[in-house]
Amino acid sequence: MKILALLAASIPLAAQLQVAVVRDTGVEIAGASINLGATGIGESADTKIRATNLGSTILNISSLAINGAAFSLAQPFQPFPLGPGTSYEFAIRFAPAAPGSYSAVLTVGPFTSIVRATAVLAADVSLLRGGQTILLPASGLSVDAVAGESVRIDLALSNPHAAALAIDPLTLNGAGFRLTGGAPAILAPGESSNISIAFSAQTEGTFAATLTAGARRFAITAFVTKARLKPPRIVADTPVVTNGRQVKIRLRFEEAIPVASAGTLRAAFAGAFTDPAIQFQNGAREIGFTVAAGATEAQFGASAEAVLQTGTTSGVIRLEATTEGGTTVETWSLARAPIAVDQAEARRDGSNLEVTLIGYDNTRTAGSANFRFFDRAGNPIGGIVTAQFAAAFETHFAQNAVGGAFRLRAVFPVTGDATIVGSVLVEIANAVGRTDLQRINFP
């Protein structure tokens, strides 16, 4: 047992620690030297390094450094324990200011290696926007995008150097990014060439790409957020909204929606009285809507229209169409009006005459009604009969949650032959004015 312990203790710590270079093309185990390749002057290139503990005991990493001109660690280092079978990743940064060959010593605990890199002339990258050419920093370009929409990025590659510059290969690697325009393989001194990049993503998140133009490696990052649907325009099927109607409502957008979305249409009512009859076809004052990708109108289930019953009470209806992007408000004033009668009927019941009126009074101030009877030849019978209904209407509206709707039944006893009565004229009034009905015939 003692011999085994001595053998285990004699294993070098450097053999216990494996250091590897993580490249786009794969992972390479690092040896006595690491070659980072060529980087453009003024560019900052990060290379990921992975340190793995291959042993069965904890390895304390007390030192991590890279010493050499133009080299640095991308993040600050603090000593840490590296457990058996675990890895630690960090990045070394190469940012040359002048052309030439560079070297540095990388130290990771007991491991050391010579890091070599070359700085070469590289193209400048500029953003073309609104007729302007904006020179971009070596750190790269960030763009904002909305899920589902396509973004075009116009760039210019230019050679600011005195010698011709190779920009071949010209490649773009990154999910959602695509080169849509090329460039010549060689740029003469002072020459520029424009390229275009298209980007689109269907989901939220951060998307990264690397543009390689000869020695230049340029980072492009797209931050994609969910499409914020702008509020729609509320369109009614009538220019003037009144009580007693079923108004058809459409929600229209100024441009096609890039991705499917949803929202809510709400109705609120303000008046002297409540009116539960003001509601959508779903029986509520709130109804959801959806918008398909590419559409310019909302859908309420299977219909492109929401139907709102305007009730029978004067006041103001406030409509709110709400999406993630905000709220559109539309108000409809329901003016006080004379009594509206939707149905009028006259009938005989033995020696009695009955007149039934079905309608609404949006002021709830109905009072008196005048009745004038005519014989079958159209001649007046007697004078005008006035009936006072104010108290009955007041009781009706107080006891029934029906807005301004009512059903009035007036009974007139007849002395003599009731069959000679052929028709009746009715006038009914509220605080706004008088409603005159067409002559109602008795069957």
Protein backbone atom coordinates (compact mmCIF):
# COMPACT_ATOMS: atom_id res chain seq x y z
CA MET A 1 0.00 0.00 0.00
CA LYS A 2 2.83 2.42 0.73
CA ILE A 3 4.45 1.73 -2.65
CA LEU A 4 1.19 2.49 -4.47
CA ALA A 5 0.88 5.75 -2.58
CA LEU A 6 4.40 6.77 -3.55
CA LEU A 7 3.73 5.90 -7.21
CA ALA A 8 0.55 7.99 -7.25
CA ALA A 9 2.33 10.94 -5.70
CA SER A 10 5.04 10.80 -8.33
CA ILE A 11 2.68 11.49 -11.28
CA PRO A 12 3.52 15.00 -12.62
CA LEU A 13 0.74 17.55 -12.24
CA ALA A 14 1.29 18.64 -15.84
CA ALA A 15 0.20 15.19 -17.00
CA GLN A 16 -2.90 15.46 -14.84
CA LEU A 17 -3.98 18.69 -16.60
CA GLN A 18 -5.00 18.65 -20.27
CA VAL A 19 -5.15 21.96 -22.18
CA ALA A 20 -6.96 22.16 -25.51
CA VAL A 21 -7.74 24.85 -28.10
CA VAL A 22 -11.44 25.09 -28.98
CA ARG A 23 -11.78 26.19 -32.61
CA ASP A 24 -14.74 26.42 -34.98
CA THR A 25 -13.36 23.39 -36.78
CA GLY A 26 -12.99 21.27 -33.62
CA VAL A 27 -10.95 20.80 -30.44
CA GLU A 28 -7.14 20.47 -30.62
CA ILE A 29 -5.01 19.21 -27.73
CA ALA A 30 -2.36 21.85 -26.99
CA GLY A 31 1.32 20.94 -26.87
CA ALA A 32 4.49 22.90 -26.47
CA SER A 33 3.22 25.51 -28.92
CA ILE A 34 -0.13 26.87 -30.08
CA ASN A 35 -0.56 28.66 -33.42
CA LEU A 36 -3.48 31.08 -33.59
CA GLY A 37 -2.97 31.91 -37.28
CA ALA A 38 -3.37 35.33 -38.86
CA THR A 39 -5.34 38.24 -37.50
CA GLY A 40 -5.94 41.61 -39.10
CA ILE A 41 -4.29 44.71 -37.71
CA GLY A 42 -6.62 46.57 -35.38
CA GLU A 43 -8.76 43.49 -34.90
CA SER A 44 -9.32 41.77 -31.57
CA ALA A 45 -9.52 37.98 -31.87
CA ASP A 46 -10.45 35.72 -28.95
CA THR A 47 -9.48 32.06 -28.87
CA LYS A 48 -11.18 29.72 -26.41
CA ILE A 49 -8.94 27.47 -24.27
CA ARG A 50 -10.25 24.52 -22.26
CA ALA A 51 -8.37 23.11 -19.25
CA THR A 52 -9.48 19.64 -18.05
CA ASN A 53 -8.44 17.70 -14.93
CA LEU A 54 -7.74 14.14 -16.11
CA GLY A 55 -6.68 12.96 -12.67
CA SER A 56 -8.59 11.56 -9.73
CA THR A 57 -7.73 14.34 -7.26
CA ILE A 58 -8.47 18.04 -7.07
CA LEU A 59 -6.01 20.23 -8.97
CA ASN A 60 -5.59 23.75 -7.63
CA ILE A 61 -5.07 26.22 -10.48
CA SER A 62 -3.14 29.01 -8.81
CA SER A 63 -1.79 30.67 -11.95
CA LEU A 64 -3.27 31.55 -15.31
CA ALA A 65 -1.52 34.10 -17.48
CA ILE A 66 -0.32 34.93 -20.97
CA ASN A 67 2.75 37.12 -21.27
CA GLY A 68 3.60 38.74 -24.60
CA ALA A 69 2.95 41.91 -26.58
CA ALA A 70 -0.59 42.15 -28.05
CA PHE A 71 -1.80 39.14 -25.96
CA SER A 72 -4.08 39.26 -22.91
CA LEU A 73 -6.70 37.25 -21.06
CA ALA A 74 -10.24 38.11 -22.13
CA GLN A 75 -11.45 37.81 -18.52
CA PRO A 76 -9.78 38.44 -15.15
CA PHE A 77 -8.41 35.34 -13.40
CA GLN A 78 -8.75 34.20 -9.79
CA PRO A 79 -7.26 30.93 -8.42
CA PHE A 80 -9.72 28.05 -8.24
CA PRO A 81 -9.85 24.29 -7.56
CA LEU A 82 -10.44 22.06 -10.59
CA GLY A 83 -12.16 18.81 -9.61
CA PRO A 84 -11.46 15.42 -11.20
CA GLY A 85 -13.02 15.13 -14.65
CA THR A 86 -14.10 18.79 -14.76
CA SER A 87 -13.09 21.54 -17.19
CA TYR A 88 -12.55 25.27 -17.11
CA GLU A 89 -12.77 27.48 -20.19
CA PHE A 90 -11.22 30.88 -20.75
CA ALA A 91 -10.15 32.98 -23.74
CA ILE A 92 -6.89 34.52 -24.79
CA ARG A 93 -7.12 37.73 -26.77
CA PHE A 94 -4.80 38.79 -29.58
CA ALA A 95 -5.10 42.45 -30.59
CA PRO A 96 -2.16 43.53 -32.76
CA ALA A 97 -1.57 47.14 -33.73
CA ALA A 98 1.14 46.54 -36.31
CA PRO A 99 1.97 43.80 -38.82
CA GLY A 100 4.42 41.06 -37.92
CA SER A 101 4.87 37.81 -35.99
CA TYR A 102 4.00 37.69 -32.30
CA SER A 103 4.58 35.17 -29.51
CA ALA A 104 3.69 34.81 -25.85
CA VAL A 105 3.98 32.30 -23.01
CA LEU A 106 0.71 30.77 -21.80
CA THR A 107 0.73 29.40 -18.23
CA VAL A 108 -2.16 27.34 -16.87
CA GLY A 109 -1.13 26.01 -13.47
CA PRO A 110 1.67 23.49 -14.18
CA PHE A 111 1.13 23.70 -17.96
CA THR A 112 3.10 26.07 -20.24
CA SER A 113 3.03 26.60 -23.99
CA ILE A 114 4.32 29.08 -26.54
CA VAL A 115 1.48 30.91 -28.32
CA ARG A 116 2.25 32.27 -31.78
CA ALA A 117 0.16 34.51 -34.02
CA THR A 118 0.64 36.71 -37.07
CA ALA A 119 -0.73 40.21 -37.67
CA VAL A 120 -1.42 41.09 -41.28
CA LEU A 121 -3.00 43.90 -43.21
CA ALA A 122 -6.78 43.54 -43.30
CA ALA A 123 -9.77 45.28 -44.78
CA ASP A 124 -11.72 47.94 -42.96
CA VAL A 125 -15.44 47.21 -42.49
CA SER A 126 -17.99 50.03 -42.73
CA LEU A 127 -21.76 50.16 -42.37
CA LEU A 128 -23.74 51.71 -45.20
CA ARG A 129 -26.87 53.40 -43.88
CA GLY A 130 -28.97 56.30 -45.12
CA GLY A 131 -26.37 57.38 -47.66
CA GLN A 132 -23.63 57.45 -45.01
CA THR A 133 -20.56 55.25 -44.63
CA ILE A 134 -19.80 54.53 -40.97
CA LEU A 135 -16.45 52.89 -40.12
CA LEU A 136 -17.10 50.06 -37.66
CA PRO A 137 -14.86 49.16 -34.73
CA ALA A 138 -12.87 45.94 -34.74
CA SER A 139 -15.14 44.61 -31.98
CA GLY A 140 -17.91 44.10 -34.54
CA LEU A 141 -21.47 45.16 -35.26
CA SER A 142 -24.68 44.66 -33.27
CA VAL A 143 -28.12 44.91 -34.82
CA ASP A 144 -31.63 44.72 -33.42
CA ALA A 145 -34.28 42.64 -35.13
CA VAL A 146 -37.83 41.44 -34.60
CA ALA A 147 -38.72 37.76 -34.77
CA GLY A 148 -40.10 36.90 -38.18
CA GLU A 149 -38.83 39.96 -40.02
CA SER A 150 -35.92 40.11 -42.45
CA VAL A 151 -33.07 42.55 -41.82
CA ARG A 152 -30.66 43.69 -44.51
CA ILE A 153 -27.16 44.75 -43.50
CA ASP A 154 -25.15 46.65 -46.12
CA LEU A 155 -21.40 46.72 -45.52
CA ALA A 156 -18.38 48.05 -47.37
CA LEU A 157 -14.97 46.33 -47.37
CA SER A 158 -12.18 48.82 -48.07
CA ASN A 159 -8.40 48.68 -48.40
CA PRO A 160 -6.78 51.64 -46.57
CA HIS A 161 -3.27 50.29 -47.13
CA ALA A 162 -0.61 51.05 -49.73
CA ALA A 163 -0.47 47.46 -50.98
CA ALA A 164 -3.12 45.29 -52.62
CA LEU A 165 -5.18 43.31 -50.14
CA ALA A 166 -6.62 39.82 -50.43
CA ILE A 167 -10.16 39.42 -49.10
CA ASP A 168 -10.52 35.85 -50.25
CA PRO A 169 -11.97 33.74 -48.75
CA LEU A 170 -15.15 35.74 -48.14
CA THR A 171 -17.42 33.69 -45.92
CA LEU A 172 -20.18 34.21 -43.35
CA ASN A 173 -20.89 31.65 -40.64
CA GLY A 174 -23.82 31.96 -38.27
CA ALA A 175 -27.39 30.69 -37.94
CA GLY A 176 -29.89 33.03 -39.61
CA PHE A 177 -27.23 35.00 -41.53
CA ARG A 178 -26.71 34.82 -45.28
CA LEU A 179 -24.40 36.60 -47.72
CA THR A 180 -26.45 38.06 -50.59
CA GLY A 181 -23.66 39.88 -52.40
CA GLY A 182 -20.02 39.08 -53.13
CA ALA A 183 -16.79 41.02 -53.63
CA PRO A 184 -13.62 40.72 -55.71
CA ALA A 185 -10.81 38.51 -54.37
CA ILE A 186 -8.28 41.39 -54.37
CA LEU A 187 -8.81 44.99 -53.35
CA ALA A 188 -6.39 47.54 -54.80
CA PRO A 189 -5.06 50.29 -52.50
CA GLY A 190 -7.88 52.68 -51.67
CA GLU A 191 -10.50 50.44 -53.31
CA SER A 192 -13.84 49.46 -51.69
CA SER A 193 -16.42 46.80 -52.43
CA ASN A 194 -19.97 46.59 -51.08
CA ILE A 195 -21.52 43.38 -49.75
CA SER A 196 -24.99 42.64 -48.38
CA ILE A 197 -26.04 40.35 -45.55
CA ALA A 198 -29.56 39.13 -44.89
CA PHE A 199 -30.66 38.04 -41.42
CA SER A 200 -33.91 36.61 -40.12
CA ALA A 201 -34.95 34.50 -37.14
CA GLN A 202 -38.32 33.15 -36.08
CA THR A 203 -37.55 33.08 -32.35
CA GLU A 204 -36.26 35.50 -29.74
CA GLY A 205 -32.63 35.34 -28.67
CA THR A 206 -29.09 36.38 -29.50
CA PHE A 207 -27.60 35.25 -32.79
CA ALA A 208 -23.91 35.54 -33.68
CA ALA A 209 -22.03 35.30 -36.95
CA THR A 210 -18.45 35.73 -38.12
CA LEU A 211 -17.67 37.45 -41.41
CA THR A 212 -14.29 36.35 -42.77
CA ALA A 213 -12.75 38.53 -45.49
CA GLY A 214 -9.21 37.32 -46.00
CA ALA A 215 -7.41 38.04 -42.71
CA ARG A 216 -10.29 40.06 -41.34
CA ARG A 217 -12.63 38.25 -38.95
CA PHE A 218 -15.58 40.46 -38.11
CA ALA A 219 -18.24 39.65 -35.53
CA ILE A 220 -21.92 40.42 -36.15
CA THR A 221 -24.47 39.97 -33.37
CA ALA A 222 -28.25 40.18 -33.80
CA PHE A 223 -30.49 40.69 -30.79
CA VAL A 224 -33.93 39.37 -31.70
CA THR A 225 -37.01 40.33 -29.72
CA LYS A 226 -40.60 39.25 -30.08
CA ALA A 227 -42.61 41.31 -32.53
CA ARG A 228 -44.57 43.97 -30.67
CA LEU A 229 -47.81 44.16 -32.59
CA LYS A 230 -48.85 47.77 -33.08
CA PRO A 231 -52.44 48.52 -32.09
CA PRO A 232 -54.92 48.31 -34.97
CA ARG A 233 -57.41 50.79 -36.35
CA ILE A 234 -60.99 50.21 -35.16
CA VAL A 235 -63.43 50.28 -38.09
CA ALA A 236 -67.23 50.15 -37.64
CA ASP A 237 -69.71 49.30 -40.38
CA THR A 238 -71.57 52.57 -39.80
CA PRO A 239 -70.34 56.17 -39.51
CA VAL A 240 -72.86 56.96 -36.75
CA VAL A 241 -73.45 54.49 -33.92
CA THR A 242 -76.84 54.53 -32.19
CA ASN A 243 -78.69 52.42 -29.65
CA GLY A 244 -80.51 49.28 -30.63
CA ARG A 245 -77.95 48.14 -33.20
CA GLN A 246 -75.54 45.31 -33.74
CA VAL A 247 -72.43 47.10 -34.96
CA LYS A 248 -69.90 45.05 -36.91
CA ILE A 249 -66.32 45.93 -36.02
CA ARG A 250 -63.11 45.16 -37.90
CA LEU A 251 -59.55 45.68 -36.69
CA ARG A 252 -57.13 46.70 -39.42
CA PHE A 253 -53.35 47.11 -39.39
CA GLU A 254 -51.38 49.55 -41.51
CA GLU A 255 -49.04 46.82 -42.77
CA ALA A 256 -48.80 43.04 -42.87
CA ILE A 257 -47.95 41.45 -39.51
CA PRO A 258 -44.57 39.64 -39.61
CA VAL A 259 -45.44 36.92 -37.07
CA ALA A 260 -48.69 35.57 -35.64
CA SER A 261 -49.90 37.55 -32.65
CA ALA A 262 -52.97 38.23 -30.53
CA GLY A 263 -54.78 40.93 -28.59
CA THR A 264 -58.00 41.92 -26.86
CA LEU A 265 -60.92 44.15 -27.82
CA ARG A 266 -62.78 45.61 -24.82
CA ALA A 267 -65.94 47.68 -24.51
CA ALA A 268 -66.77 49.94 -21.56
CA PHE A 269 -69.91 52.00 -21.04
CA ALA A 270 -70.42 55.26 -19.16
CA GLY A 271 -73.91 56.69 -18.71
CA ALA A 272 -76.51 57.72 -16.18
CA PHE A 273 -77.64 54.08 -15.95
CA THR A 274 -76.05 50.70 -16.44
CA ASP A 275 -76.90 48.60 -19.48
CA PRO A 276 -75.93 44.90 -19.46
CA ALA A 277 -77.16 44.53 -23.05
CA ILE A 278 -74.01 46.27 -24.32
CA GLN A 279 -71.87 43.24 -25.15
CA PHE A 280 -70.07 41.33 -27.88
CA GLN A 281 -71.35 38.21 -29.58
CA ASN A 282 -69.65 36.09 -26.91
CA GLY A 283 -71.91 37.58 -24.23
CA ALA A 284 -69.15 39.64 -22.63
CA ARG A 285 -67.58 43.07 -22.94
CA GLU A 286 -64.21 41.60 -23.84
CA ILE A 287 -63.29 39.46 -26.82
CA GLY A 288 -59.94 38.14 -27.95
CA PHE A 289 -58.55 38.36 -31.45
CA THR A 290 -55.67 36.82 -33.37
CA VAL A 291 -53.60 38.03 -36.30
CA ALA A 292 -52.00 35.53 -38.66
CA ALA A 293 -48.52 36.14 -40.04
CA GLY A 294 -48.80 38.24 -43.17
CA ALA A 295 -52.35 39.40 -42.38
CA THR A 296 -53.59 43.00 -42.17
CA GLU A 297 -56.85 42.27 -40.31
CA ALA A 298 -57.63 40.57 -37.02
CA GLN A 299 -59.75 37.45 -36.66
CA PHE A 300 -62.34 36.85 -33.94
CA GLY A 301 -62.37 33.10 -34.02
CA ALA A 302 -63.52 32.17 -37.52
CA SER A 303 -64.86 35.65 -38.28
CA ALA A 304 -63.14 38.85 -39.35
CA GLU A 305 -65.80 40.85 -37.47
CA ALA A 306 -66.73 41.37 -33.86
CA VAL A 307 -70.40 42.22 -33.34
CA LEU A 308 -71.26 44.64 -30.53
CA GLN A 309 -74.82 45.11 -29.33
CA THR A 310 -75.14 48.82 -28.49
CA GLY A 311 -77.90 48.39 -25.92
CA THR A 312 -80.78 50.74 -25.20
CA THR A 313 -79.28 53.39 -22.91
CA SER A 314 -77.75 56.76 -23.77
CA GLY A 315 -74.14 57.33 -22.83
CA VAL A 316 -70.65 56.71 -24.20
CA ILE A 317 -69.21 53.39 -25.38
CA ARG A 318 -65.41 53.24 -25.19
CA LEU A 319 -63.65 50.60 -27.30
CA GLU A 320 -60.05 49.59 -26.60
CA ALA A 321 -58.07 47.36 -28.97
CA THR A 322 -54.97 46.26 -27.07
CA THR A 323 -51.86 44.51 -28.34
CA GLU A 324 -48.34 44.19 -26.93
CA GLY A 325 -47.47 47.38 -28.78
CA GLY A 326 -50.16 49.56 -27.20
CA THR A 327 -53.86 50.40 -27.24
CA THR A 328 -56.15 52.08 -29.76
CA VAL A 329 -59.19 53.85 -28.32
CA GLU A 330 -62.45 54.66 -30.10
CA THR A 331 -65.48 56.31 -28.44
CA TRP A 332 -69.08 56.32 -29.58
CA SER A 333 -71.58 58.77 -28.12
CA LEU A 334 -75.12 57.41 -27.89
CA ALA A 335 -77.21 60.57 -27.83
CA ARG A 336 -80.45 60.92 -25.87
CA ALA A 337 -83.29 60.37 -28.31
CA PRO A 338 -87.08 60.06 -28.51
CA ILE A 339 -88.56 56.65 -27.80
CA ALA A 340 -87.84 54.03 -30.45
CA VAL A 341 -90.58 51.49 -31.14
CA ASP A 342 -89.41 48.30 -32.82
CA GLN A 343 -92.76 46.50 -32.87
CA ALA A 344 -96.39 47.71 -32.58
CA GLU A 345 -99.42 45.42 -32.51
CA ALA A 346 -103.19 45.96 -32.15
CA ARG A 347 -105.67 43.18 -31.32
CA ARG A 348 -109.17 42.57 -30.03
CA ASP A 349 -109.86 40.58 -26.90
CA GLY A 350 -113.63 40.26 -26.66
CA SER A 351 -114.95 43.73 -25.94
CA ASN A 352 -111.47 45.07 -25.20
CA LEU A 353 -108.95 46.59 -27.55
CA GLU A 354 -105.27 45.98 -26.84
CA VAL A 355 -102.25 47.89 -28.13
CA THR A 356 -98.77 46.49 -27.49
CA LEU A 357 -95.59 48.48 -28.08
CA ILE A 358 -92.10 46.95 -27.85
CA GLY A 359 -89.13 49.32 -27.97
CA TYR A 360 -86.71 51.30 -25.85
CA ASP A 361 -86.35 54.68 -24.23
CA ASN A 362 -82.65 55.45 -23.88
CA THR A 363 -83.43 58.32 -21.48
CA ARG A 364 -85.75 56.26 -19.20
CA THR A 365 -88.11 59.25 -18.99
CA ALA A 366 -91.15 57.87 -20.86
CA GLY A 367 -94.38 59.42 -19.61
CA SER A 368 -97.62 59.86 -21.52
CA ALA A 369 -99.06 58.31 -24.68
CA ASN A 370 -101.93 59.46 -26.92
CA PHE A 371 -104.23 57.03 -28.72
CA ARG A 372 -106.69 57.95 -31.47
CA PHE A 373 -109.01 55.28 -32.91
CA PHE A 374 -110.54 55.06 -36.38
CA ASP A 375 -113.28 52.96 -37.89
CA ARG A 376 -112.75 50.62 -40.81
CA ALA A 377 -113.47 53.44 -43.25
CA GLY A 378 -110.76 55.58 -41.67
CA ASN A 379 -113.06 57.98 -39.84
CA PRO A 380 -112.10 59.10 -36.32
CA ILE A 381 -114.02 57.55 -33.42
CA GLY A 382 -114.31 59.93 -30.52
CA GLY A 383 -111.42 62.08 -29.35
CA ILE A 384 -107.83 61.48 -28.34
CA VAL A 385 -107.31 59.14 -25.37
CA THR A 386 -104.33 60.14 -23.22
CA ALA A 387 -102.75 57.64 -20.85
CA GLN A 388 -100.13 58.44 -18.18
CA PHE A 389 -97.44 55.76 -17.88
CA ALA A 390 -94.67 57.65 -16.07
CA ALA A 391 -95.05 55.79 -12.78
CA ALA A 392 -95.28 52.41 -14.50
CA PHE A 393 -92.16 53.09 -16.58
CA GLU A 394 -90.23 54.30 -13.53
CA THR A 395 -91.08 51.11 -11.65
CA HIS A 396 -90.21 48.96 -14.66
CA PHE A 397 -86.77 50.51 -15.15
CA ALA A 398 -86.01 50.38 -11.43
CA GLN A 399 -86.90 46.71 -11.06
CA ASN A 400 -85.51 45.30 -14.31
CA ALA A 401 -81.91 45.35 -15.55
CA VAL A 402 -82.90 45.77 -19.18
CA GLY A 403 -81.38 49.13 -20.01
CA GLY A 404 -84.08 51.25 -21.66
CA ALA A 405 -86.02 48.35 -23.18
CA PHE A 406 -89.73 48.01 -22.45
CA ARG A 407 -92.92 46.25 -23.49
CA LEU A 408 -96.05 48.37 -23.07
CA ARG A 409 -99.53 46.80 -23.14
CA ALA A 410 -102.47 49.20 -23.11
CA VAL A 411 -106.06 47.83 -22.73
CA PHE A 412 -109.16 49.82 -23.72
CA PRO A 413 -112.62 48.52 -22.73
CA VAL A 414 -115.24 49.17 -25.45
CA THR A 415 -118.91 49.77 -24.84
CA GLY A 416 -120.81 48.53 -27.84
CA ASP A 417 -119.49 46.85 -30.97
CA ALA A 418 -115.67 46.70 -30.84
CA THR A 419 -115.49 45.28 -34.33
CA ILE A 420 -116.17 48.64 -35.92
CA VAL A 421 -112.71 49.84 -34.79
CA GLY A 422 -110.28 49.42 -37.66
CA SER A 423 -107.05 51.13 -36.58
CA VAL A 424 -105.32 53.33 -34.04
CA LEU A 425 -102.71 56.08 -34.11
CA VAL A 426 -100.23 56.22 -31.23
CA GLU A 427 -98.04 59.07 -29.99
CA ILE A 428 -95.61 58.36 -27.15
CA ALA A 429 -93.25 60.87 -25.55
CA ASN A 430 -90.23 61.11 -23.27
CA ALA A 431 -88.12 64.06 -22.04
CA VAL A 432 -86.50 64.49 -25.47
CA GLY A 433 -89.55 64.50 -27.70
CA ARG A 434 -92.54 62.73 -29.21
CA THR A 435 -92.60 59.60 -31.35
CA ASP A 436 -95.46 59.29 -33.85
CA LEU A 437 -96.22 55.79 -35.05
CA GLN A 438 -97.84 54.80 -38.32
CA ARG A 439 -101.47 53.75 -38.09
CA ILE A 440 -101.78 50.28 -36.53
CA ASN A 441 -104.56 48.12 -37.93
CA PHE A 442 -106.75 45.79 -35.89
CA PRO A 443 -107.16 42.38 -37.54
